[in-house]
Protein backbone atom coordinates (compact mmCIF):
# COMPACT_ATOMS: atom_id res chain seq x y z
CA MET A 1 13.26 -9.56 -15.14
CA ILE A 2 13.33 -6.21 -14.14
CA GLN A 3 16.64 -4.98 -12.88
CA LEU A 4 17.51 -1.99 -10.32
CA SER A 5 18.48 -0.14 -13.32
CA ASP A 6 14.57 -0.44 -14.65
CA ILE A 7 13.30 1.20 -11.37
CA ILE A 8 11.62 4.44 -12.47
CA GLY A 9 10.85 7.13 -9.69
CA GLN A 10 12.85 6.21 -7.18
CA ASP A 11 16.21 7.47 -8.32
CA ALA A 12 17.60 8.13 -4.62
CA ALA A 13 16.93 4.81 -3.22
CA ILE A 14 18.26 2.95 -6.04
CA ALA A 15 21.46 4.85 -5.90
CA ARG A 16 21.99 4.23 -2.44
CA LEU A 17 21.73 0.67 -3.10
CA GLN A 18 24.13 0.60 -5.96
CA GLN A 19 26.70 2.74 -4.00
CA ALA A 20 26.56 -0.09 -1.06
CA MET A 21 27.05 -2.70 -3.49
CA ALA A 22 29.91 -0.98 -5.20
CA SER A 23 31.62 -0.73 -2.13
CA GLY A 24 30.96 -4.08 -0.49
CA ARG A 25 29.12 -2.49 2.39
CA MET A 26 25.68 -3.61 1.57
CA PRO A 27 23.80 -3.73 4.81
CA HIS A 28 22.58 -7.44 5.73
CA ALA A 29 19.14 -5.84 7.33
CA LEU A 30 17.33 -3.06 5.14
CA LEU A 31 14.11 -1.34 5.90
CA PHE A 32 12.31 -0.39 2.64
CA ALA A 33 9.73 2.63 3.86
CA GLY A 34 7.37 4.44 1.86
CA PRO A 35 3.83 4.41 0.29
CA ALA A 36 1.77 1.24 -1.30
CA GLY A 37 2.45 0.96 -4.90
CA VAL A 38 5.61 2.79 -5.35
CA GLY A 39 8.19 -0.19 -6.13
CA LYS A 40 9.35 -1.28 -2.68
CA ARG A 41 8.64 -5.10 -3.55
CA THR A 42 9.68 -4.98 -7.17
CA THR A 43 12.99 -3.20 -5.70
CA ALA A 44 13.56 -5.69 -3.30
CA THR A 45 12.97 -8.45 -6.25
CA ALA A 46 15.62 -6.67 -8.42
CA LEU A 47 18.09 -6.44 -5.21
CA ALA A 48 17.96 -10.08 -4.47
CA ALA A 49 18.65 -10.82 -8.63
CA ALA A 50 21.86 -8.76 -8.16
CA LEU A 51 22.93 -10.52 -4.77
CA LEU A 52 22.01 -14.03 -5.98
CA CYS A 53 23.01 -13.84 -9.80
CA GLU A 54 25.71 -16.15 -11.04
CA LYS A 55 27.52 -13.39 -13.21
CA PRO A 56 26.27 -9.88 -12.00
CA VAL A 57 26.68 -7.15 -14.50
CA LYS A 58 28.17 -3.75 -13.84
CA LYS A 59 26.08 -0.61 -14.21
CA GLY A 60 27.67 2.48 -14.81
CA ARG A 61 30.32 3.90 -12.49
CA VAL A 62 28.98 2.03 -9.52
CA GLY A 63 26.26 -0.89 -8.70
CA GLN A 64 25.52 -4.02 -10.44
CA ASP A 65 22.38 -5.89 -11.69
CA GLY A 66 21.44 -9.35 -12.24
CA CYS A 67 22.39 -10.84 -15.58
CA GLY A 68 18.81 -11.63 -16.58
CA ARG A 69 20.04 -14.76 -18.04
CA CYS A 70 21.57 -17.40 -15.69
CA GLU A 71 19.45 -19.88 -13.80
CA ASP A 72 19.30 -17.84 -10.61
CA CYS A 73 17.79 -15.05 -12.59
CA ARG A 74 15.27 -16.86 -14.42
CA MET A 75 14.14 -18.73 -11.12
CA LEU A 76 13.59 -15.41 -9.34
CA ALA A 77 11.58 -14.06 -12.58
CA ALA A 78 9.25 -17.21 -12.18
CA GLY A 79 9.15 -16.90 -8.55
CA THR A 80 10.90 -20.32 -7.72
CA HIS A 81 14.12 -19.19 -6.66
CA PRO A 82 14.81 -21.36 -3.30
CA ASP A 83 16.82 -18.77 -1.65
CA PHE A 84 14.75 -15.79 -1.92
CA LEU A 85 11.76 -15.81 0.48
CA LEU A 86 8.97 -14.03 0.71
CA VAL A 87 7.47 -13.75 4.48
CA TYR A 88 4.05 -12.58 5.21
CA LYS A 89 1.24 -13.04 7.59
CA GLU A 90 -0.79 -15.54 5.44
CA LEU A 91 2.06 -17.82 5.80
CA ALA A 92 0.41 -19.10 8.89
CA ALA A 93 -1.95 -21.03 7.03
CA TYR A 94 1.09 -23.22 5.86
CA HIS A 95 2.52 -23.86 9.70
CA PRO A 96 3.09 -27.18 10.64
CA ASP A 97 0.99 -26.66 13.94
CA PRO A 98 -2.53 -26.74 13.44
CA ARG A 99 -3.54 -24.05 16.19
CA VAL A 100 -1.44 -21.55 14.15
CA ARG A 101 -2.95 -22.53 10.94
CA ASP A 102 -6.72 -21.82 12.52
CA ARG A 103 -5.44 -18.73 13.84
CA VAL A 104 -7.20 -15.54 12.36
CA MET A 105 -4.08 -13.82 10.54
CA GLN A 106 -4.55 -10.25 11.58
CA GLU A 107 -0.81 -9.95 12.61
CA LEU A 108 2.55 -11.30 11.42
CA GLY A 109 3.22 -13.33 14.48
CA ILE A 110 6.27 -14.86 16.39
CA ASP A 111 5.11 -18.58 14.90
CA VAL A 112 5.53 -17.48 11.05
CA VAL A 113 8.42 -15.40 11.50
CA ARG A 114 10.47 -18.14 13.35
CA ASP A 115 9.34 -20.86 11.34
CA PHE A 116 9.56 -19.07 7.95
CA LEU A 117 12.40 -16.59 8.63
CA ILE A 118 14.51 -17.43 11.60
CA VAL A 119 15.26 -21.18 11.17
CA PRO A 120 15.54 -20.95 7.36
CA ALA A 121 17.99 -18.28 7.54
CA GLY A 122 20.44 -20.78 9.65
CA ALA A 123 20.29 -23.45 7.07
CA ALA A 124 22.75 -23.28 4.16
CA PRO A 125 21.56 -21.62 0.70
CA ALA A 126 20.18 -24.14 -1.75
CA ARG A 127 22.44 -22.23 -4.62
CA GLY A 128 25.36 -21.45 -2.78
CA ARG A 129 25.53 -17.66 -3.02
CA GLY A 130 23.25 -16.76 -0.10
CA LYS A 131 19.77 -15.77 0.85
CA VAL A 132 17.25 -12.81 0.79
CA PHE A 133 14.13 -12.55 2.68
CA VAL A 134 11.75 -9.94 2.41
CA VAL A 135 9.11 -9.40 5.02
CA LEU A 136 5.83 -8.07 3.48
CA GLU A 137 3.94 -5.51 5.63
CA ALA A 138 6.43 -5.41 8.45
CA GLU A 139 4.71 -3.15 10.45
CA LEU A 140 2.23 -6.23 11.49
CA MET A 141 4.88 -7.94 13.21
CA SER A 142 3.96 -8.51 16.81
CA ALA A 143 6.06 -7.22 19.38
CA PRO A 144 7.14 -10.93 20.29
CA ALA A 145 7.93 -11.36 16.75
CA GLN A 146 10.07 -8.29 16.42
CA ASN A 147 12.19 -9.14 19.50
CA CYS A 148 12.63 -12.71 18.35
CA LEU A 149 14.07 -11.39 15.17
CA LEU A 150 16.42 -8.98 16.66
CA LYS A 151 19.39 -11.24 16.76
CA THR A 152 18.98 -12.39 13.44
CA LEU A 153 18.58 -8.71 12.26
CA GLU A 154 21.78 -7.75 14.46
CA GLU A 155 24.13 -10.94 13.32
CA PRO A 156 22.46 -12.99 10.44
CA PRO A 157 24.17 -15.84 9.15
CA ARG A 158 26.58 -15.03 6.56
CA GLY A 159 25.13 -14.37 3.13
CA VAL A 160 21.55 -13.69 4.67
CA THR A 161 20.09 -10.31 3.56
CA ILE A 162 16.79 -9.38 5.52
CA ILE A 163 14.88 -6.58 3.97
CA LEU A 164 11.75 -5.46 5.62
CA ILE A 165 8.71 -3.26 3.66
CA THR A 166 6.80 -1.31 5.33
CA GLN A 167 4.28 1.88 4.94
CA ARG A 168 4.43 2.96 8.54
CA PRO A 169 7.73 2.47 9.97
CA GLU A 170 6.96 4.33 13.16
CA GLU A 171 4.97 1.33 13.89
CA LEU A 172 7.65 -1.11 14.35
CA LEU A 173 9.78 -1.44 17.79
CA PRO A 174 12.79 1.36 18.07
CA THR A 175 14.86 -1.71 18.63
CA THR A 176 13.88 -3.12 15.16
CA LEU A 177 14.33 0.25 13.32
CA SER A 178 17.94 0.60 14.90
CA ARG A 179 19.21 -2.67 13.53
CA CYS A 180 18.01 -1.73 9.88
CA SER A 181 19.06 0.70 7.64
CA THR A 182 16.33 2.62 6.13
CA VAL A 183 15.86 3.28 2.60
CA ARG A 184 13.18 5.58 1.72
CA PHE A 185 10.69 5.56 -1.27
CA GLY A 186 8.74 8.42 -2.30
CA PRO A 187 5.50 8.89 -4.41
CA LEU A 188 5.65 8.25 -8.06
CA PRO A 189 5.12 11.25 -10.72
CA ARG A 190 1.75 11.60 -11.59
CA GLU A 191 2.54 11.41 -15.26
CA PHE A 192 4.17 7.96 -14.69
CA VAL A 193 1.31 6.71 -12.81
CA MET A 194 -0.81 7.76 -15.57
CA ALA A 195 1.38 5.74 -18.30
CA ARG A 196 1.14 2.52 -16.11
CA LEU A 197 -2.73 3.05 -16.06
CA ALA A 198 -2.93 3.36 -20.05
CA GLU A 199 -0.88 -0.05 -20.47
CA ALA A 200 -3.54 -1.71 -18.29
CA GLY A 201 -6.45 -0.25 -20.50
CA VAL A 202 -7.45 2.59 -18.33
CA GLU A 203 -6.90 6.00 -19.66
CA GLY A 204 -8.67 9.55 -20.26
CA PRO A 205 -10.77 10.86 -17.18
CA GLN A 206 -10.81 7.71 -15.46
CA ALA A 207 -6.97 7.57 -15.75
CA GLU A 208 -6.51 11.15 -14.51
CA PHE A 209 -8.74 10.64 -11.33
CA TRP A 210 -7.26 7.14 -10.19
CA ALA A 211 -3.62 8.80 -10.70
CA GLY A 212 -4.38 11.76 -8.55
CA PHE A 213 -6.37 9.73 -5.78
CA ALA A 214 -3.67 7.18 -5.35
CA ALA A 215 -1.33 10.18 -4.91
CA GLY A 216 1.81 8.75 -6.55
CA SER A 217 1.12 5.05 -6.21
CA ALA A 218 1.22 3.11 -9.11
CA GLY A 219 -0.18 -0.03 -7.38
CA GLU A 220 -2.96 1.55 -5.49
CA ALA A 221 -4.14 3.18 -8.95
CA LEU A 222 -3.88 0.00 -10.72
CA ARG A 223 -5.71 -2.00 -8.07
CA LEU A 224 -8.42 0.29 -7.33
CA SER A 225 -9.07 1.06 -11.24
CA GLN A 226 -9.63 -2.56 -11.65
CA ARG A 227 -12.40 -3.02 -9.18
CA GLY A 228 -15.26 -1.17 -10.90
CA LEU A 229 -15.33 1.70 -8.71
CA TYR A 230 -15.01 4.53 -11.50
CA ASP A 231 -19.06 4.68 -12.13
CA ALA A 232 -19.59 4.59 -7.91
CA LYS A 233 -17.20 7.35 -7.91
CA ARG A 234 -18.66 9.63 -10.24
CA GLU A 235 -22.07 8.82 -8.62
CA ILE A 236 -21.06 9.63 -5.24
CA VAL A 237 -19.34 12.91 -5.75
CA GLY A 238 -22.25 14.04 -8.29
CA ARG A 239 -24.62 13.42 -5.14
CA LEU A 240 -22.60 15.59 -3.10
CA GLY A 241 -22.45 18.50 -5.04
CA GLN A 242 -26.25 18.26 -5.55
CA MET A 243 -26.55 18.04 -1.43
CA GLY A 244 -28.19 20.84 0.24
CA ASP A 245 -28.17 21.59 4.18
CA ALA A 246 -30.81 18.73 4.51
CA GLY A 247 -28.78 15.87 3.03
CA ASP A 248 -29.41 13.03 0.67
CA PRO A 249 -31.87 10.50 2.47
CA ASP A 250 -31.06 7.78 0.18
CA LEU A 251 -27.10 8.11 -0.15
CA ALA A 252 -26.62 6.11 3.01
CA ASP A 253 -28.17 3.34 1.63
CA GLU A 254 -26.69 3.47 -1.59
CA LEU A 255 -23.56 3.88 0.05
CA VAL A 256 -24.04 0.71 2.20
CA LYS A 257 -24.91 -1.35 -1.30
CA ILE A 258 -21.55 -0.13 -2.96
CA ALA A 259 -19.48 -1.15 0.13
CA ASP A 260 -21.36 -4.57 0.09
CA ALA A 261 -20.74 -5.40 -3.38
CA MET A 262 -16.90 -4.31 -3.12
CA ALA A 263 -16.67 -6.80 0.01
CA ALA A 264 -18.37 -9.83 -1.79
CA ALA A 265 -15.81 -8.85 -5.00
CA ALA A 266 -12.85 -8.55 -2.52
CA VAL A 267 -13.63 -12.04 -0.62
CA LYS A 268 -14.20 -13.65 -4.05
CA ASN A 269 -10.70 -12.51 -5.64
CA ALA A 270 -8.64 -13.11 -2.52
CA ARG A 271 -9.74 -16.77 -2.97
CA LYS A 272 -9.17 -16.75 -6.76
CA ASP A 273 -6.12 -15.05 -6.74
CA ASP A 274 -4.37 -15.16 -3.81
CA SER A 275 -5.60 -18.60 -2.17
CA VAL A 276 -6.52 -17.07 1.01
CA GLU A 277 -9.83 -16.76 2.86
CA MET A 278 -10.63 -13.29 3.67
CA SER A 279 -13.57 -12.07 6.01
CA LYS A 280 -16.76 -10.70 4.89
CA ASN A 281 -16.37 -8.09 8.03
CA LEU A 282 -12.69 -7.38 6.78
CA ALA A 283 -13.38 -6.86 3.39
CA THR A 284 -16.46 -4.49 4.26
CA ARG A 285 -14.36 -2.85 6.66
CA GLN A 286 -11.88 -2.17 3.80
CA GLY A 287 -14.26 -1.20 1.12
CA VAL A 288 -15.73 1.17 3.59
CA GLY A 289 -12.46 2.85 4.33
CA THR A 290 -11.73 3.16 0.36
CA LEU A 291 -15.17 4.98 -0.13
CA LEU A 292 -14.49 7.18 2.93
CA ARG A 293 -11.29 8.47 1.52
CA ILE A 294 -12.90 9.14 -1.83
CA ILE A 295 -15.44 11.38 -0.27
CA ALA A 296 -12.86 13.02 1.65
CA SER A 297 -10.84 13.59 -1.59
CA ALA A 298 -13.72 15.55 -2.77
CA PHE A 299 -13.97 17.65 -0.02
CA ARG A 300 -10.24 18.40 -0.06
CA ASP A 301 -10.87 19.58 -3.72
CA ALA A 302 -13.26 22.05 -2.63
CA LEU A 303 -11.18 23.58 0.12
CA HIS A 304 -8.47 23.77 -2.36
CA VAL A 305 -11.09 25.72 -4.87
CA ARG A 306 -12.26 27.69 -1.89
CA SER A 307 -8.79 28.83 -0.91
CA ALA A 308 -7.70 29.56 -4.54
CA GLY A 309 -6.09 33.03 -5.20
CA ARG A 310 -5.01 33.39 -1.51
CA GLY A 311 -1.23 32.68 -2.34
CA ARG A 312 -1.82 28.82 -2.50
CA PRO A 313 0.05 27.06 -5.48
CA ALA A 314 -2.30 25.68 -8.17
CA ARG A 315 -2.81 22.05 -8.37
CA PRO A 316 -4.81 19.58 -10.51
CA LEU A 317 -7.93 18.59 -9.04
CA VAL A 318 -8.40 14.94 -7.88
CA HIS A 319 -11.87 15.03 -9.24
CA CYS A 320 -10.86 17.16 -12.18
CA ASP A 321 -13.54 14.80 -14.17
CA GLN A 322 -16.13 16.41 -12.14
CA GLN A 323 -15.32 20.05 -11.39
CA PRO A 324 -18.81 21.37 -11.56
CA ALA A 325 -19.53 19.16 -8.86
CA ILE A 326 -16.66 20.05 -6.76
CA GLU A 327 -17.21 23.83 -7.24
CA ALA A 328 -20.78 23.25 -6.17
CA ILE A 329 -19.59 21.78 -2.68
CA ALA A 330 -17.08 24.83 -2.47
CA ARG A 331 -19.95 27.20 -2.87
CA ARG A 332 -21.84 25.73 -0.40
CA LEU A 333 -19.64 24.92 2.51
CA GLY A 334 -17.09 27.67 4.02
CA PRO A 335 -13.38 26.81 4.38
CA ALA A 336 -13.80 26.34 8.21
CA GLN A 337 -16.57 23.53 7.22
CA LEU A 338 -14.75 21.91 4.71
CA ALA A 339 -11.75 21.52 7.12
CA GLU A 340 -13.99 20.28 9.70
CA ILE A 341 -15.94 17.47 7.30
CA ILE A 342 -12.20 16.22 6.24
CA GLU A 343 -11.26 15.81 9.85
CA GLN A 344 -14.57 14.35 10.69
CA LEU A 345 -14.15 11.72 7.80
CA ALA A 346 -10.71 10.85 9.08
CA GLU A 347 -12.33 9.93 12.57
CA TYR A 348 -14.69 7.89 10.68
CA GLU A 349 -12.34 5.77 9.11
CA ARG A 350 -10.67 5.14 12.43
CA LEU A 351 -13.69 4.38 13.69
CA LEU A 352 -14.42 1.74 11.51
CA TRP A 353 -11.96 -0.92 13.48
CA ARG A 354 -13.93 -0.47 16.34
CA ASN A 355 -16.96 -2.69 15.25
CA VAL A 356 -19.15 0.37 14.49
CA SER A 357 -21.98 -0.90 12.21
CA PRO A 358 -21.38 0.50 8.34
CA LYS A 359 -25.17 1.37 8.30
CA ILE A 360 -24.85 3.62 11.24
CA LEU A 361 -21.47 5.18 10.28
CA TRP A 362 -23.08 6.21 6.80
CA ASP A 363 -25.95 7.82 8.31
CA ASN A 364 -23.78 9.94 10.41
CA VAL A 365 -21.24 10.50 7.13
CA VAL A 366 -24.06 11.71 5.21
CA VAL A 367 -24.94 14.16 7.79
CA THR A 368 -21.63 15.26 8.45
CA CYS A 369 -21.06 16.00 4.23
CA ALA A 370 -24.36 18.13 4.50
CA SER A 371 -23.66 20.53 7.51
CA ALA A 372 -20.19 19.39 9.00
CA ALA A 373 -22.30 18.43 12.32
CA PRO A 374 -20.17 16.81 15.14
CA LEU A 375 -20.00 13.06 15.17
CA ARG A 376 -22.76 11.39 16.96
CA LEU A 377 -21.43 7.78 17.16
């Protein structure tokens, strides 16, 4: 079982939690804020071990860890501890009300928050030492759900700790934020992410790319590296490097095929790994979003190449495995054009969630990448 002292790359966050435990002033409502895949959920589990352990052990001058040997620690490691509860939108599928079970799970609604957090928080802990609730993707909580939770956040039952995990704290209501103690998590070092990839069997140029693309998120790098996207990414960036002002007439159709294959795999994996049903529409839009970010990262690399030698510090290219293609893009387009393309790609990603046809979107993307032409959706 991982312990707080095992967490790497989040020294400030861990020090703050350990100092709070040592002082006896651990907040009962915490907000773990930071990028995906940097250790927020792992830290929440390790903190739960320290709080629920039968005989927590001292670590250094401050803080404590779960001992890793007692029954509580063993149950936490196995994911079966009755007083450690995860709260997430897919729990709607297990709600006693069939009307809640039949809803599309796009947000973390009031019914899930009430039945899987507020009500069980009022019950006595099964093991007697307290309860820890971890709310995943807290930014997806609806406004009614957050308002319903306010009293529990402000005055939870004795021994209850609530941890909200979010990538986007700004999307939570101010009243929710004001009742939580925020702990910030930053990007992980690139070398650490590459080491995690190597442990998973991803090495060489592919590991360098995913570590750079994920921007310090080990979880994101590991997830994407296992989806068979690397060959598709190399083809896309290679074609962008060869593209002229007239564009690439076949690229939009190829991007549609890649996104469809990604969506089919995502639906299958969700059913197999998480036992949840993901709609093809949602999976397609998530796949298109990933491809748009890959394309945008190529143009950011090209902009960096164009700006080199103008007082900007050197940094490794995300697509260091395809530097000739990046340099070709940089030669063809000026800095203003590259900046415009990057901005328009971000706008395309926003339009994804407004029911724009992926085929129409890709046709526009290819035109934009060729000439920085304005949006025509």
